[in-house]
Amino acid sequence: MSEHESPFHASSAGDSPFQFSRVDGGVRISFQVHTEKGERQTKIARFDEFEMICDEGKNLGGDNTAPPPLAYFAASIAF
């Protein structure tokens, strides 16, 4: 694997939103996520071509219009 080559197969160069680089003892995987604050407790995150929206429940000053941030974190572990 070259310094910036993905260890995963992609159909063509540039398909992956992840960047890979060798570091002592392994591989560093990096990526960019852009975030912005919406109204009240709503937040929007953009990763590659995807958009995720989170909100808090009414008891935390949100409107309960989307899953809370902790739900995304818990789901990521379950995946």
N, C-alpha and C. Protein backbone atom coordinates (compact mmCIF):
# COMPACT_ATOMS: atom_id res chain seq x y z
N MET A 1 0.84 -1.18 0.00
CA MET A 1 0.00 0.00 0.00
C MET A 1 0.89 1.24 0.00
N SER A 2 0.65 2.14 -0.93
CA SER A 2 1.41 3.39 -0.93
C SER A 2 0.92 4.27 0.20
N GLU A 3 1.58 5.39 0.40
CA GLU A 3 1.27 6.24 1.55
C GLU A 3 -0.18 6.69 1.60
N HIS A 4 -0.81 6.98 0.44
CA HIS A 4 -2.18 7.49 0.43
C HIS A 4 -3.15 6.55 -0.27
N GLU A 5 -2.78 5.31 -0.45
CA GLU A 5 -3.62 4.34 -1.13
C GLU A 5 -4.59 3.71 -0.14
N SER A 6 -5.82 3.54 -0.55
CA SER A 6 -6.81 2.90 0.29
C SER A 6 -6.56 1.40 0.35
N PRO A 7 -6.70 0.79 1.53
CA PRO A 7 -6.57 -0.66 1.62
C PRO A 7 -7.83 -1.37 1.12
N PHE A 8 -8.87 -0.58 0.79
CA PHE A 8 -10.12 -1.14 0.30
C PHE A 8 -10.21 -0.92 -1.20
N HIS A 9 -10.89 -1.82 -1.89
CA HIS A 9 -11.04 -1.68 -3.34
C HIS A 9 -12.12 -0.66 -3.64
N ALA A 10 -11.84 0.23 -4.55
CA ALA A 10 -12.82 1.20 -5.03
C ALA A 10 -12.94 1.03 -6.53
N SER A 11 -14.10 1.37 -7.06
CA SER A 11 -14.31 1.15 -8.49
C SER A 11 -13.44 2.06 -9.34
N SER A 12 -13.11 3.22 -8.84
CA SER A 12 -12.19 4.11 -9.55
C SER A 12 -11.56 5.07 -8.55
N ALA A 13 -10.47 5.67 -8.93
CA ALA A 13 -9.76 6.58 -8.02
C ALA A 13 -10.69 7.72 -7.61
N GLY A 14 -10.62 8.10 -6.36
CA GLY A 14 -11.40 9.23 -5.87
C GLY A 14 -12.80 8.86 -5.41
N ASP A 15 -13.17 7.58 -5.45
CA ASP A 15 -14.52 7.17 -5.03
C ASP A 15 -14.74 7.31 -3.53
N SER A 16 -13.71 7.18 -2.76
CA SER A 16 -13.85 7.13 -1.32
C SER A 16 -13.72 8.52 -0.69
N PRO A 17 -14.60 8.84 0.26
CA PRO A 17 -14.46 10.11 0.99
C PRO A 17 -13.38 10.01 2.06
N PHE A 18 -12.77 8.85 2.23
CA PHE A 18 -11.75 8.64 3.24
C PHE A 18 -10.36 8.79 2.65
N GLN A 19 -9.44 9.33 3.45
CA GLN A 19 -8.04 9.42 3.06
C GLN A 19 -7.27 8.50 3.99
N PHE A 20 -6.36 7.74 3.43
CA PHE A 20 -5.56 6.78 4.18
C PHE A 20 -4.10 7.17 4.12
N SER A 21 -3.41 7.06 5.24
CA SER A 21 -1.97 7.30 5.25
C SER A 21 -1.33 6.40 6.31
N ARG A 22 -0.12 5.96 6.00
CA ARG A 22 0.60 5.11 6.95
C ARG A 22 1.14 5.97 8.10
N VAL A 23 1.07 5.40 9.28
CA VAL A 23 1.67 5.99 10.47
C VAL A 23 2.38 4.87 11.20
N ASP A 24 3.27 5.22 12.11
CA ASP A 24 3.95 4.18 12.88
C ASP A 24 2.92 3.26 13.53
N GLY A 25 3.00 2.00 13.23
CA GLY A 25 2.12 1.03 13.85
C GLY A 25 0.77 0.84 13.19
N GLY A 26 0.51 1.48 12.06
CA GLY A 26 -0.79 1.27 11.44
C GLY A 26 -1.10 2.22 10.31
N VAL A 27 -2.38 2.51 10.18
CA VAL A 27 -2.89 3.36 9.10
C VAL A 27 -3.80 4.42 9.72
N ARG A 28 -3.64 5.66 9.29
CA ARG A 28 -4.54 6.74 9.72
C ARG A 28 -5.63 6.88 8.67
N ILE A 29 -6.87 6.90 9.12
CA ILE A 29 -8.01 7.12 8.23
C ILE A 29 -8.61 8.47 8.60
N SER A 30 -8.72 9.35 7.63
CA SER A 30 -9.28 10.67 7.92
C SER A 30 -10.39 10.98 6.91
N PHE A 31 -11.25 11.92 7.28
CA PHE A 31 -12.36 12.32 6.44
C PHE A 31 -12.85 13.68 6.92
N GLN A 32 -13.67 14.32 6.10
CA GLN A 32 -14.18 15.64 6.48
C GLN A 32 -15.68 15.58 6.71
N VAL A 33 -16.12 16.22 7.77
CA VAL A 33 -17.54 16.38 8.06
C VAL A 33 -17.77 17.88 8.28
N HIS A 34 -18.72 18.42 7.59
CA HIS A 34 -19.06 19.84 7.75
C HIS A 34 -20.34 19.93 8.56
N THR A 35 -20.36 20.80 9.54
CA THR A 35 -21.53 20.93 10.40
C THR A 35 -22.00 22.37 10.48
N GLU A 36 -23.27 22.51 10.78
CA GLU A 36 -23.81 23.85 11.02
C GLU A 36 -24.96 23.74 12.01
N LYS A 37 -25.16 24.80 12.75
CA LYS A 37 -26.23 24.84 13.73
C LYS A 37 -27.49 25.34 13.04
N GLY A 38 -28.58 24.62 13.26
CA GLY A 38 -29.88 25.04 12.75
C GLY A 38 -30.61 25.82 13.82
N GLU A 39 -31.93 25.78 13.74
CA GLU A 39 -32.75 26.48 14.74
C GLU A 39 -32.76 25.71 16.05
N ARG A 40 -32.78 26.44 17.14
CA ARG A 40 -32.84 25.87 18.50
C ARG A 40 -31.75 24.83 18.69
N GLN A 41 -32.09 23.55 18.88
CA GLN A 41 -31.08 22.52 19.12
C GLN A 41 -30.77 21.67 17.88
N THR A 42 -31.28 22.06 16.74
CA THR A 42 -31.06 21.29 15.51
C THR A 42 -29.65 21.54 14.98
N LYS A 43 -29.01 20.45 14.56
CA LYS A 43 -27.69 20.54 13.92
C LYS A 43 -27.73 19.73 12.64
N ILE A 44 -26.93 20.15 11.66
CA ILE A 44 -26.85 19.48 10.37
C ILE A 44 -25.40 19.12 10.11
N ALA A 45 -25.15 17.87 9.75
CA ALA A 45 -23.81 17.41 9.40
C ALA A 45 -23.84 16.91 7.96
N ARG A 46 -22.81 17.28 7.20
CA ARG A 46 -22.69 16.81 5.82
C ARG A 46 -21.40 16.03 5.69
N PHE A 47 -21.55 14.80 5.21
CA PHE A 47 -20.42 13.91 4.97
C PHE A 47 -20.56 13.39 3.55
N ASP A 48 -19.57 13.71 2.71
CA ASP A 48 -19.60 13.30 1.32
C ASP A 48 -20.91 13.78 0.72
N GLU A 49 -21.74 12.91 0.19
CA GLU A 49 -23.00 13.32 -0.44
C GLU A 49 -24.20 13.18 0.50
N PHE A 50 -23.94 12.89 1.77
CA PHE A 50 -25.02 12.63 2.71
C PHE A 50 -25.19 13.77 3.71
N GLU A 51 -26.42 13.92 4.17
CA GLU A 51 -26.74 14.93 5.17
C GLU A 51 -27.43 14.25 6.34
N MET A 52 -26.99 14.57 7.54
CA MET A 52 -27.61 14.03 8.76
C MET A 52 -28.10 15.20 9.59
N ILE A 53 -29.29 15.06 10.12
CA ILE A 53 -29.87 16.11 10.95
C ILE A 53 -30.14 15.51 12.32
N CYS A 54 -29.81 16.25 13.35
CA CYS A 54 -30.13 15.80 14.71
C CYS A 54 -30.82 16.93 15.45
N ASP A 55 -31.54 16.54 16.48
CA ASP A 55 -32.26 17.50 17.31
C ASP A 55 -32.34 16.89 18.71
N GLU A 56 -32.59 17.69 19.66
CA GLU A 56 -32.78 17.21 21.03
C GLU A 56 -34.27 17.17 21.33
N GLY A 57 -34.62 16.45 22.37
CA GLY A 57 -36.01 16.40 22.82
C GLY A 57 -36.43 17.73 23.42
N LYS A 58 -37.72 17.87 23.60
CA LYS A 58 -38.26 19.13 24.14
C LYS A 58 -37.73 19.40 25.55
N ASN A 59 -37.42 18.33 26.30
CA ASN A 59 -36.90 18.53 27.66
C ASN A 59 -35.50 19.13 27.66
N LEU A 60 -34.81 19.13 26.51
CA LEU A 60 -33.48 19.74 26.40
C LEU A 60 -33.48 20.97 25.50
N GLY A 61 -34.67 21.53 25.25
CA GLY A 61 -34.76 22.75 24.47
C GLY A 61 -34.85 22.54 22.97
N GLY A 62 -35.02 21.30 22.54
CA GLY A 62 -35.17 21.01 21.11
C GLY A 62 -36.63 20.86 20.73
N ASP A 63 -36.85 20.43 19.50
CA ASP A 63 -38.21 20.24 19.00
C ASP A 63 -38.52 18.78 18.71
N ASN A 64 -37.55 17.88 18.96
CA ASN A 64 -37.73 16.45 18.74
C ASN A 64 -38.11 16.14 17.29
N THR A 65 -37.46 16.83 16.34
CA THR A 65 -37.77 16.64 14.91
C THR A 65 -36.85 15.63 14.24
N ALA A 66 -35.82 15.19 14.94
CA ALA A 66 -34.85 14.24 14.40
C ALA A 66 -34.21 13.50 15.57
N PRO A 67 -33.50 12.41 15.31
CA PRO A 67 -32.83 11.71 16.41
C PRO A 67 -31.82 12.62 17.11
N PRO A 68 -31.61 12.40 18.41
CA PRO A 68 -30.59 13.18 19.11
C PRO A 68 -29.20 12.69 18.71
N PRO A 69 -28.17 13.51 18.92
CA PRO A 69 -26.81 13.12 18.54
C PRO A 69 -26.38 11.78 19.13
N LEU A 70 -26.75 11.50 20.37
CA LEU A 70 -26.35 10.26 21.01
C LEU A 70 -26.94 9.03 20.29
N ALA A 71 -28.10 9.19 19.65
CA ALA A 71 -28.69 8.08 18.90
C ALA A 71 -27.82 7.72 17.69
N TYR A 72 -27.26 8.72 17.02
CA TYR A 72 -26.35 8.45 15.89
C TYR A 72 -25.10 7.74 16.38
N PHE A 73 -24.58 8.18 17.52
CA PHE A 73 -23.39 7.55 18.09
C PHE A 73 -23.68 6.09 18.44
N ALA A 74 -24.81 5.84 19.12
CA ALA A 74 -25.16 4.48 19.51
C ALA A 74 -25.37 3.60 18.27
N ALA A 75 -26.02 4.14 17.26
CA ALA A 75 -26.25 3.37 16.04
C ALA A 75 -24.94 3.03 15.35
N SER A 76 -23.97 3.94 15.38
CA SER A 76 -22.68 3.68 14.73
C SER A 76 -21.95 2.53 15.40
N ILE A 77 -22.10 2.39 16.69
CA ILE A 77 -21.48 1.27 17.40
C ILE A 77 -22.21 -0.02 17.04
N ALA A 78 -23.53 0.03 16.93
CA ALA A 78 -24.32 -1.16 16.61
C ALA A 78 -24.06 -1.65 15.18
N PHE A 79 -23.70 -0.73 14.28
CA PHE A 79 -23.42 -1.13 12.89
C PHE A 79 -22.18 -1.96 12.85
